């Protein structure tokens, strides 16, 4: 039987992988992927805790809102990265020195 502890351990591992990706990578796309992994770990926690709430299903409802917000943030993030690439011809965050012309 899979218990709540199993879900929390998997979620912690996914969150740590996402955090390492954000800290270690020098590519804006990979940083967005790391942020998405961390958001998915939080969503897994919400669903795992919602499994034990038989009355309101509040965990699943919060998870749906989090999924919608994550999709919107990825769309905005990719739009920003595309505009930065168009201006600087790189997506390396270290090479972008200013945001003014």
PDB file of N, CA and C in Angstrom:
ATOM      1  N   UNK A   1       0.845  -1.192   0.000  1.00  0.00           N
ATOM      2  CA  UNK A   1       0.000   0.000   0.000  1.00  0.00           C
ATOM      3  C   UNK A   1       0.880   1.241   0.000  1.00  0.00           C
ATOM      4  N   UNK A   2       0.513   2.175  -0.829  1.00  0.00           N
ATOM      5  CA  UNK A   2       1.260   3.427  -0.906  1.00  0.00           C
ATOM      6  C   UNK A   2       0.685   4.390   0.129  1.00  0.00           C
ATOM      7  N   UNK A   3       1.562   4.878   0.998  1.00  0.00           N
ATOM      8  CA  UNK A   3       1.121   5.775   2.067  1.00  0.00           C
ATOM      9  C   UNK A   3       1.468   7.213   1.713  1.00  0.00           C
ATOM     10  N   UNK A   4       1.064   8.105   2.596  1.00  0.00           N
ATOM     11  CA  UNK A   4       1.344   9.529   2.403  1.00  0.00           C
ATOM     12  C   UNK A   4       2.848   9.796   2.403  1.00  0.00           C
ATOM     13  N   UNK A   5       3.581   9.039   3.167  1.00  0.00           N
ATOM     14  CA  UNK A   5       5.030   9.219   3.238  1.00  0.00           C
ATOM     15  C   UNK A   5       5.688   8.978   1.888  1.00  0.00           C
ATOM     16  N   UNK A   6       5.217   7.991   1.155  1.00  0.00           N
ATOM     17  CA  UNK A   6       5.770   7.720  -0.171  1.00  0.00           C
ATOM     18  C   UNK A   6       5.568   8.914  -1.100  1.00  0.00           C
ATOM     19  N   UNK A   7       4.362   9.480  -1.080  1.00  0.00           N
ATOM     20  CA  UNK A   7       4.092  10.651  -1.907  1.00  0.00           C
ATOM     21  C   UNK A   7       5.004  11.821  -1.527  1.00  0.00           C
ATOM     22  N   UNK A   8       5.181  12.028  -0.230  1.00  0.00           N
ATOM     23  CA  UNK A   8       5.997  13.152   0.229  1.00  0.00           C
ATOM     24  C   UNK A   8       7.465  12.970  -0.117  1.00  0.00           C
ATOM     25  N   UNK A   9       7.960  11.742  -0.072  1.00  0.00           N
ATOM     26  CA  UNK A   9       9.351  11.487  -0.440  1.00  0.00           C
ATOM     27  C   UNK A   9       9.569  11.720  -1.934  1.00  0.00           C
ATOM     28  N   UNK A  10       8.656  11.236  -2.751  1.00  0.00           N
ATOM     29  CA  UNK A  10       8.768  11.469  -4.199  1.00  0.00           C
ATOM     30  C   UNK A  10       8.688  12.960  -4.504  1.00  0.00           C
ATOM     31  N   UNK A  11       7.790  13.653  -3.831  1.00  0.00           N
ATOM     32  CA  UNK A  11       7.645  15.082  -4.037  1.00  0.00           C
ATOM     33  C   UNK A  11       8.902  15.841  -3.605  1.00  0.00           C
ATOM     34  N   UNK A  12       9.497  15.434  -2.507  1.00  0.00           N
ATOM     35  CA  UNK A  12      10.730  16.085  -2.058  1.00  0.00           C
ATOM     36  C   UNK A  12      11.867  15.842  -3.044  1.00  0.00           C
ATOM     37  N   UNK A  13      11.937  14.640  -3.607  1.00  0.00           N
ATOM     38  CA  UNK A  13      12.970  14.355  -4.609  1.00  0.00           C
ATOM     39  C   UNK A  13      12.779  15.198  -5.867  1.00  0.00           C
ATOM     40  N   UNK A  14      11.533  15.317  -6.332  1.00  0.00           N
ATOM     41  CA  UNK A  14      11.251  16.130  -7.516  1.00  0.00           C
ATOM     42  C   UNK A  14      11.582  17.590  -7.240  1.00  0.00           C
ATOM     43  N   UNK A  15      11.238  18.069  -6.048  1.00  0.00           N
ATOM     44  CA  UNK A  15      11.539  19.457  -5.699  1.00  0.00           C
ATOM     45  C   UNK A  15      13.047  19.693  -5.662  1.00  0.00           C
ATOM     46  N   UNK A  16      13.801  18.759  -5.113  1.00  0.00           N
ATOM     47  CA  UNK A  16      15.264  18.915  -5.050  1.00  0.00           C
ATOM     48  C   UNK A  16      15.884  18.897  -6.449  1.00  0.00           C
ATOM     49  N   UNK A  17      15.370  18.066  -7.327  1.00  0.00           N
ATOM     50  CA  UNK A  17      15.861  18.046  -8.710  1.00  0.00           C
ATOM     51  C   UNK A  17      15.577  19.387  -9.384  1.00  0.00           C
ATOM     52  N   UNK A  18      14.388  19.922  -9.178  1.00  0.00           N
ATOM     53  CA  UNK A  18      14.052  21.223  -9.738  1.00  0.00           C
ATOM     54  C   UNK A  18      14.904  22.341  -9.170  1.00  0.00           C
ATOM     55  N   UNK A  19      15.156  22.301  -7.877  1.00  0.00           N
ATOM     56  CA  UNK A  19      15.998  23.323  -7.253  1.00  0.00           C
ATOM     57  C   UNK A  19      17.426  23.253  -7.776  1.00  0.00           C
ATOM     58  N   UNK A  20      17.950  22.048  -7.934  1.00  0.00           N
ATOM     59  CA  UNK A  20      19.293  21.892  -8.497  1.00  0.00           C
ATOM     60  C   UNK A  20      19.347  22.416  -9.928  1.00  0.00           C
ATOM     61  N   UNK A  21      18.287  22.161 -10.695  1.00  0.00           N
ATOM     62  CA  UNK A  21      18.245  22.627 -12.080  1.00  0.00           C
ATOM     63  C   UNK A  21      18.255  24.150 -12.134  1.00  0.00           C
ATOM     64  N   UNK A  22      17.510  24.791 -11.259  1.00  0.00           N
ATOM     65  CA  UNK A  22      17.473  26.253 -11.245  1.00  0.00           C
ATOM     66  C   UNK A  22      18.820  26.821 -10.832  1.00  0.00           C
ATOM     67  N   UNK A  23      19.465  26.207  -9.857  1.00  0.00           N
ATOM     68  CA  UNK A  23      20.733  26.739  -9.348  1.00  0.00           C
ATOM     69  C   UNK A  23      21.889  26.468 -10.307  1.00  0.00           C
ATOM     70  N   UNK A  24      21.918  25.294 -10.920  1.00  0.00           N
ATOM     71  CA  UNK A  24      23.098  24.874 -11.671  1.00  0.00           C
ATOM     72  C   UNK A  24      23.089  25.272 -13.146  1.00  0.00           C
ATOM     73  N   UNK A  25      21.947  25.430 -13.755  1.00  0.00           N
ATOM     74  CA  UNK A  25      21.907  25.634 -15.200  1.00  0.00           C
ATOM     75  C   UNK A  25      22.139  27.088 -15.569  1.00  0.00           C
ATOM     76  N   UNK A  26      22.722  27.278 -16.743  1.00  0.00           N
ATOM     77  CA  UNK A  26      22.990  28.610 -17.269  1.00  0.00           C
ATOM     78  C   UNK A  26      22.167  28.873 -18.528  1.00  0.00           C
ATOM     79  N   UNK A  27      21.009  28.268 -18.598  1.00  0.00           N
ATOM     80  CA  UNK A  27      20.138  28.392 -19.751  1.00  0.00           C
ATOM     81  C   UNK A  27      18.755  28.766 -19.227  1.00  0.00           C
ATOM     82  N   UNK A  28      18.151  29.792 -19.802  1.00  0.00           N
ATOM     83  CA  UNK A  28      16.863  30.270 -19.299  1.00  0.00           C
ATOM     84  C   UNK A  28      15.766  29.230 -19.465  1.00  0.00           C
ATOM     85  N   UNK A  29      15.815  28.442 -20.509  1.00  0.00           N
ATOM     86  CA  UNK A  29      14.804  27.408 -20.714  1.00  0.00           C
ATOM     87  C   UNK A  29      14.909  26.342 -19.619  1.00  0.00           C
ATOM     88  N   UNK A  30      16.122  25.947 -19.286  1.00  0.00           N
ATOM     89  CA  UNK A  30      16.300  24.941 -18.229  1.00  0.00           C
ATOM     90  C   UNK A  30      15.900  25.491 -16.863  1.00  0.00           C
ATOM     91  N   UNK A  31      16.076  26.785 -16.662  1.00  0.00           N
ATOM     92  CA  UNK A  31      15.618  27.387 -15.415  1.00  0.00           C
ATOM     93  C   UNK A  31      14.100  27.305 -15.325  1.00  0.00           C
ATOM     94  N   UNK A  32      13.413  27.560 -16.439  1.00  0.00           N
ATOM     95  CA  UNK A  32      11.949  27.415 -16.450  1.00  0.00           C
ATOM     96  C   UNK A  32      11.529  25.968 -16.195  1.00  0.00           C
ATOM     97  N   UNK A  33      12.269  25.017 -16.740  1.00  0.00           N
ATOM     98  CA  UNK A  33      11.963  23.602 -16.499  1.00  0.00           C
ATOM     99  C   UNK A  33      12.128  23.276 -15.016  1.00  0.00           C
ATOM    100  N   UNK A  34      13.174  23.794 -14.388  1.00  0.00           N
ATOM    101  CA  UNK A  34      13.372  23.576 -12.960  1.00  0.00           C
ATOM    102  C   UNK A  34      12.256  24.170 -12.118  1.00  0.00           C
ATOM    103  N   UNK A  35      11.795  25.359 -12.496  1.00  0.00           N
ATOM    104  CA  UNK A  35      10.680  25.975 -11.776  1.00  0.00           C
ATOM    105  C   UNK A  35       9.420  25.137 -11.939  1.00  0.00           C
ATOM    106  N   UNK A  36       9.209  24.608 -13.132  1.00  0.00           N
ATOM    107  CA  UNK A  36       8.051  23.746 -13.357  1.00  0.00           C
ATOM    108  C   UNK A  36       8.135  22.464 -12.524  1.00  0.00           C
ATOM    109  N   UNK A  37       9.320  21.910 -12.381  1.00  0.00           N
ATOM    110  CA  UNK A  37       9.467  20.718 -11.530  1.00  0.00           C
ATOM    111  C   UNK A  37       9.111  21.033 -10.081  1.00  0.00           C
ATOM    112  N   UNK A  38       9.529  22.195  -9.607  1.00  0.00           N
ATOM    113  CA  UNK A  38       9.197  22.569  -8.228  1.00  0.00           C
ATOM    114  C   UNK A  38       7.695  22.784  -8.062  1.00  0.00           C
ATOM    115  N   UNK A  39       7.050  23.394  -9.055  1.00  0.00           N
ATOM    116  CA  UNK A  39       5.599  23.576  -8.987  1.00  0.00           C
ATOM    117  C   UNK A  39       4.892  22.217  -9.023  1.00  0.00           C
ATOM    118  N   UNK A  40       5.382  21.303  -9.853  1.00  0.00           N
ATOM    119  CA  UNK A  40       4.777  19.970  -9.918  1.00  0.00           C
ATOM    120  C   UNK A  40       4.941  19.205  -8.612  1.00  0.00           C
ATOM    121  N   UNK A  41       6.044  19.414  -7.913  1.00  0.00           N
ATOM    122  CA  UNK A  41       6.221  18.785  -6.603  1.00  0.00           C
ATOM    123  C   UNK A  41       5.189  19.320  -5.612  1.00  0.00           C
ATOM    124  N   UNK A  42       4.928  20.615  -5.664  1.00  0.00           N
ATOM    125  CA  UNK A  42       3.904  21.184  -4.786  1.00  0.00           C
ATOM    126  C   UNK A  42       2.517  20.655  -5.144  1.00  0.00           C
ATOM    127  N   UNK A  43       2.249  20.498  -6.431  1.00  0.00           N
ATOM    128  CA  UNK A  43       0.951  19.960  -6.862  1.00  0.00           C
ATOM    129  C   UNK A  43       0.802  18.511  -6.399  1.00  0.00           C
ATOM    130  N   UNK A  44       1.875  17.737  -6.458  1.00  0.00           N
ATOM    131  CA  UNK A  44       1.825  16.359  -5.968  1.00  0.00           C
ATOM    132  C   UNK A  44       1.513  16.327  -4.472  1.00  0.00           C
ATOM    133  N   UNK A  45       2.090  17.251  -3.717  1.00  0.00           N
ATOM    134  CA  UNK A  45       1.755  17.339  -2.288  1.00  0.00           C
ATOM    135  C   UNK A  45       0.281  17.655  -2.085  1.00  0.00           C
ATOM    136  N   UNK A  46      -0.247  18.599  -2.860  1.00  0.00           N
ATOM    137  CA  UNK A  46      -1.658  18.954  -2.718  1.00  0.00           C
ATOM    138  C   UNK A  46      -2.564  17.760  -3.009  1.00  0.00           C
ATOM    139  N   UNK A  47      -2.263  17.030  -4.068  1.00  0.00           N
ATOM    140  CA  UNK A  47      -3.084  15.873  -4.416  1.00  0.00           C
ATOM    141  C   UNK A  47      -2.946  14.774  -3.362  1.00  0.00           C
ATOM    142  N   UNK A  48      -1.733  14.579  -2.854  1.00  0.00           N
ATOM    143  CA  UNK A  48      -1.522  13.539  -1.835  1.00  0.00           C
ATOM    144  C   UNK A  48      -2.285  13.860  -0.557  1.00  0.00           C
ATOM    145  N   UNK A  49      -2.234  15.127  -0.134  1.00  0.00           N
ATOM    146  CA  UNK A  49      -2.993  15.492   1.066  1.00  0.00           C
ATOM    147  C   UNK A  49      -4.491  15.493   0.796  1.00  0.00           C
ATOM    148  N   UNK A  50      -4.886  15.836  -0.434  1.00  0.00           N
ATOM    149  CA  UNK A  50      -6.296  15.822  -0.779  1.00  0.00           C
ATOM    150  C   UNK A  50      -6.878  14.426  -0.837  1.00  0.00           C
ATOM    151  N   UNK A  51      -6.026  13.423  -1.033  1.00  0.00           N
ATOM    152  CA  UNK A  51      -6.499  12.039  -1.058  1.00  0.00           C
ATOM    153  C   UNK A  51      -7.101  11.636   0.292  1.00  0.00           C
ATOM    154  N   UNK A  52      -6.579  12.235   1.358  1.00  0.00           N
ATOM    155  CA  UNK A  52      -7.038  11.873   2.686  1.00  0.00           C
ATOM    156  C   UNK A  52      -8.160  12.788   3.173  1.00  0.00           C
ATOM    157  N   UNK A  53      -8.570  13.760   2.363  1.00  0.00           N
ATOM    158  CA  UNK A  53      -9.697  14.626   2.688  1.00  0.00           C
ATOM    159  C   UNK A  53     -10.901  14.137   1.887  1.00  0.00           C
ATOM    160  N   UNK A  54     -11.655  13.226   2.450  1.00  0.00           N
ATOM    161  CA  UNK A  54     -12.754  12.583   1.721  1.00  0.00           C
ATOM    162  C   UNK A  54     -13.990  13.477   1.617  1.00  0.00           C
ATOM    163  N   UNK A  55     -14.056  14.535   2.391  1.00  0.00           N
ATOM    164  CA  UNK A  55     -15.271  15.328   2.431  1.00  0.00           C
ATOM    165  C   UNK A  55     -15.291  16.440   1.381  1.00  0.00           C
ATOM    166  N   UNK A  56     -14.228  17.213   1.288  1.00  0.00           N
ATOM    167  CA  UNK A  56     -14.258  18.413   0.440  1.00  0.00           C
ATOM    168  C   UNK A  56     -13.431  18.317  -0.834  1.00  0.00           C
ATOM    169  N   UNK A  57     -12.505  17.396  -0.904  1.00  0.00           N
ATOM    170  CA  UNK A  57     -11.576  17.306  -2.039  1.00  0.00           C
ATOM    171  C   UNK A  57     -10.850  18.625  -2.291  1.00  0.00           C
ATOM    172  N   UNK A  58     -10.486  19.304  -1.236  1.00  0.00           N
ATOM    173  CA  UNK A  58      -9.866  20.621  -1.387  1.00  0.00           C
ATOM    174  C   UNK A  58      -8.458  20.526  -1.970  1.00  0.00           C
ATOM    175  N   UNK A  59      -7.754  19.447  -1.730  1.00  0.00           N
ATOM    176  CA  UNK A  59      -6.409  19.297  -2.295  1.00  0.00           C
ATOM    177  C   UNK A  59      -6.423  19.239  -3.807  1.00  0.00           C
ATOM    178  N   UNK A  60      -7.376  18.492  -4.346  1.00  0.00           N
ATOM    179  CA  UNK A  60      -7.483  18.391  -5.802  1.00  0.00           C
ATOM    180  C   UNK A  60      -7.913  19.718  -6.418  1.00  0.00           C
ATOM    181  N   UNK A  61      -8.780  20.448  -5.734  1.00  0.00           N
ATOM    182  CA  UNK A  61      -9.225  21.743  -6.253  1.00  0.00           C
ATOM    183  C   UNK A  61      -8.064  22.723  -6.277  1.00  0.00           C
ATOM    184  N   UNK A  62      -7.286  22.780  -5.203  1.00  0.00           N
ATOM    185  CA  UNK A  62      -6.107  23.656  -5.184  1.00  0.00           C
ATOM    186  C   UNK A  62      -5.097  23.222  -6.239  1.00  0.00           C
ATOM    187  N   UNK A  63      -4.972  21.926  -6.462  1.00  0.00           N
ATOM    188  CA  UNK A  63      -4.042  21.424  -7.474  1.00  0.00           C
ATOM    189  C   UNK A  63      -4.464  21.872  -8.868  1.00  0.00           C
ATOM    190  N   UNK A  64      -5.753  21.861  -9.157  1.00  0.00           N
ATOM    191  CA  UNK A  64      -6.226  22.342 -10.455  1.00  0.00           C
ATOM    192  C   UNK A  64      -5.902  23.821 -10.654  1.00  0.00           C
ATOM    193  N   UNK A  65      -6.113  24.625  -9.621  1.00  0.00           N
ATOM    194  CA  UNK A  65      -5.747  26.041  -9.715  1.00  0.00           C
ATOM    195  C   UNK A  65      -4.247  26.218  -9.908  1.00  0.00           C
ATOM    196  N   UNK A  66      -3.451  25.408  -9.231  1.00  0.00           N
ATOM    197  CA  UNK A  66      -1.998  25.496  -9.371  1.00  0.00           C
ATOM    198  C   UNK A  66      -1.549  25.103 -10.770  1.00  0.00           C
ATOM    199  N   UNK A  67      -2.197  24.113 -11.362  1.00  0.00           N
ATOM    200  CA  UNK A  67      -1.860  23.701 -12.731  1.00  0.00           C
ATOM    201  C   UNK A  67      -2.165  24.818 -13.718  1.00  0.00           C
ATOM    202  N   UNK A  68      -3.312  25.470 -13.547  1.00  0.00           N
ATOM    203  CA  UNK A  68      -3.669  26.588 -14.429  1.00  0.00           C
ATOM    204  C   UNK A  68      -2.672  27.733 -14.273  1.00  0.00           C
ATOM    205  N   UNK A  69      -2.314  28.061 -13.048  1.00  0.00           N
ATOM    206  CA  UNK A  69      -1.346  29.141 -12.823  1.00  0.00           C
ATOM    207  C   UNK A  69       0.037  28.779 -13.351  1.00  0.00           C
ATOM    208  N   UNK A  70       0.428  27.522 -13.249  1.00  0.00           N
ATOM    209  CA  UNK A  70       1.727  27.094 -13.776  1.00  0.00           C
ATOM    210  C   UNK A  70       1.759  27.203 -15.290  1.00  0.00           C
ATOM    211  N   UNK A  71       0.674  26.835 -15.946  1.00  0.00           N
ATOM    212  CA  UNK A  71       0.622  26.948 -17.404  1.00  0.00           C
ATOM    213  C   UNK A  71       0.689  28.404 -17.848  1.00  0.00           C
ATOM    214  N   UNK A  72      -0.001  29.268 -17.127  1.00  0.00           N
ATOM    215  CA  UNK A  72       0.047  30.695 -17.467  1.00  0.00           C
ATOM    216  C   UNK A  72       1.439  31.275 -17.233  1.00  0.00           C
ATOM    217  N   UNK A  73       2.086  30.867 -16.169  1.00  0.00           N
ATOM    218  CA  UNK A  73       3.426  31.403 -15.892  1.00  0.00           C
ATOM    219  C   UNK A  73       4.446  30.915 -16.920  1.00  0.00           C
ATOM    220  N   UNK A  74       4.293  29.698 -17.410  1.00  0.00           N
ATOM    221  CA  UNK A  74       5.192  29.204 -18.453  1.00  0.00           C
ATOM    222  C   UNK A  74       4.993  29.986 -19.745  1.00  0.00           C
ATOM    223  N   UNK A  75       3.750  30.281 -20.075  1.00  0.00           N
ATOM    224  CA  UNK A  75       3.493  31.055 -21.292  1.00  0.00           C
ATOM    225  C   UNK A  75       4.108  32.434 -21.201  1.00  0.00           C
ATOM    226  N   UNK A  76       3.969  33.089 -20.067  1.00  0.00           N
ATOM    227  CA  UNK A  76       4.558  34.418 -19.888  1.00  0.00           C
ATOM    228  C   UNK A  76       6.092  34.327 -19.870  1.00  0.00           C
ATOM    229  N   UNK A  77       6.619  33.314 -19.203  1.00  0.00           N
ATOM    230  CA  UNK A  77       8.068  33.143 -19.155  1.00  0.00           C
ATOM    231  C   UNK A  77       8.678  32.899 -20.523  1.00  0.00           C
ATOM    232  N   UNK A  78       8.038  32.067 -21.325  1.00  0.00           N
ATOM    233  CA  UNK A  78       8.548  31.816 -22.676  1.00  0.00           C
ATOM    234  C   UNK A  78       8.464  33.066 -23.545  1.00  0.00           C
ATOM    235  N   UNK A  79       7.413  33.862 -23.381  1.00  0.00           N
ATOM    236  CA  UNK A  79       7.313  35.111 -24.134  1.00  0.00           C
ATOM    237  C   UNK A  79       8.440  36.068 -23.755  1.00  0.00           C
ATOM    238  N   UNK A  80       8.750  36.142 -22.481  1.00  0.00           N
ATOM    239  CA  UNK A  80       9.850  37.002 -22.034  1.00  0.00           C
ATOM    240  C   UNK A  80      11.176  36.496 -22.574  1.00  0.00           C
ATOM    241  N   UNK A  81      11.393  35.187 -22.529  1.00  0.00           N
ATOM    242  CA  UNK A  81      12.646  34.624 -23.033  1.00  0.00           C
ATOM    243  C   UNK A  81      12.787  34.869 -24.533  1.00  0.00           C
ATOM    244  N   UNK A  82      11.706  34.724 -25.278  1.00  0.00           N
ATOM    245  CA  UNK A  82      11.778  34.988 -26.715  1.00  0.00           C
ATOM    246  C   UNK A  82      12.109  36.449 -27.015  1.00  0.00           C
ATOM    247  N   UNK A  83      11.545  37.371 -26.253  1.00  0.00           N
ATOM    248  CA  UNK A  83      11.866  38.788 -26.455  1.00  0.00           C
ATOM    249  C   UNK A  83      13.305  39.104 -26.062  1.00  0.00           C
ATOM    250  N   UNK A  84      13.787  38.490 -25.013  1.00  0.00           N
ATOM    251  CA  UNK A  84      15.180  38.696 -24.612  1.00  0.00           C
ATOM    252  C   UNK A  84      16.117  38.111 -25.657  1.00  0.00           C
ATOM    253  N   UNK A  85      15.773  36.947 -26.199  1.00  0.00           N
ATOM    254  CA  UNK A  85      16.607  36.344 -27.237  1.00  0.00           C
ATOM    255  C   UNK A  85      16.626  37.206 -28.494  1.00  0.00           C
ATOM    256  N   UNK A  86      15.492  37.764 -28.841  1.00  0.00           N
ATOM    257  CA  UNK A  86      15.427  38.621 -30.018  1.00  0.00           C
ATOM    258  C   UNK A  86      16.319  39.862 -29.856  1.00  0.00           C
ATOM    259  N   UNK A  87      16.414  40.362 -28.637  1.00  0.00           N
ATOM    260  CA  UNK A  87      17.208  41.569 -28.403  1.00  0.00           C
ATOM    261  C   UNK A  87      18.690  41.267 -28.201  1.00  0.00           C
ATOM    262  N   UNK A  88      19.023  40.249 -27.419  1.00  0.00           N
ATOM    263  CA  UNK A  88      20.418  39.962 -27.046  1.00  0.00           C
ATOM    264  C   UNK A  88      21.048  38.817 -27.828  1.00  0.00           C
ATOM    265  N   UNK A  89      20.276  38.028 -28.554  1.00  0.00           N
ATOM    266  CA  UNK A  89      20.754  36.857 -29.301  1.00  0.00           C
ATOM    267  C   UNK A  89      21.368  35.791 -28.397  1.00  0.00           C
ATOM    268  N   UNK A  90      20.940  35.720 -27.156  1.00  0.00           N
ATOM    269  CA  UNK A  90      21.376  34.683 -26.226  1.00  0.00           C
ATOM    270  C   UNK A  90      20.285  34.473 -25.179  1.00  0.00           C
ATOM    271  N   UNK A  91      20.241  33.259 -24.614  1.00  0.00           N
ATOM    272  CA  UNK A  91      19.327  33.009 -23.503  1.00  0.00           C
ATOM    273  C   UNK A  91      20.096  32.672 -22.233  1.00  0.00           C
ATOM    274  N   UNK A  92      21.390  32.960 -22.249  1.00  0.00           N
ATOM    275  CA  UNK A  92      22.217  32.774 -21.061  1.00  0.00           C
ATOM    276  C   UNK A  92      21.976  33.953 -20.119  1.00  0.00           C
ATOM    277  N   UNK A  93      21.458  33.710 -18.909  1.00  0.00           N
ATOM    278  CA  UNK A  93      21.163  34.827 -18.006  1.00  0.00           C
ATOM    279  C   UNK A  93      22.399  35.628 -17.590  1.00  0.00           C
ATOM    280  N   UNK A  94      23.583  35.011 -17.638  1.00  0.00           N
ATOM    281  CA  UNK A  94      24.795  35.729 -17.238  1.00  0.00           C
ATOM    282  C   UNK A  94      25.215  36.777 -18.287  1.00  0.00           C
ATOM    283  N   UNK A  95      24.842  36.574 -19.531  1.00  0.00           N
ATOM    284  CA  UNK A  95      25.251  37.487 -20.597  1.00  0.00           C
ATOM    285  C   UNK A  95      24.311  38.691 -20.739  1.00  0.00           C
ATOM    286  N   UNK A  96      23.197  38.665 -20.084  1.00  0.00           N
ATOM    287  CA  UNK A  96      22.242  39.768 -20.175  1.00  0.00           C
ATOM    288  C   UNK A  96      22.589  40.751 -19.068  1.00  0.00           C
ATOM    289  N   UNK A  97      23.100  41.907 -19.462  1.00  0.00           N
ATOM    290  CA  UNK A  97      23.604  42.851 -18.469  1.00  0.00           C
ATOM    291  C   UNK A  97      22.615  43.931 -18.106  1.00  0.00           C
ATOM    292  N   UNK A  98      21.798  44.369 -19.050  1.00  0.00           N
ATOM    293  CA  UNK A  98      20.812  45.404 -18.744  1.00  0.00           C
ATOM    294  C   UNK A  98      19.553  45.145 -19.562  1.00  0.00           C
ATOM    295  N   UNK A  99      18.477  45.778 -19.137  1.00  0.00           N
ATOM    296  CA  UNK A  99      17.215  45.591 -19.838  1.00  0.00           C
ATOM    297  C   UNK A  99      16.775  46.850 -20.565  1.00  0.00           C
ATOM    298  N   UNK A 100      17.671  47.844 -20.629  1.00  0.00           N
ATOM    299  CA  UNK A 100      17.357  49.077 -21.348  1.00  0.00           C
ATOM    300  C   UNK A 100      18.148  49.137 -22.627  1.00  0.00           C
ATOM    301  N   UNK A 101      17.641  49.897 -23.605  1.00  0.00           N
ATOM    302  CA  UNK A 101      18.367  50.114 -24.864  1.00  0.00           C
ATOM    303  C   UNK A 101      19.437  51.157 -24.700  1.00  0.00           C
TER     304      UNK A 101
END
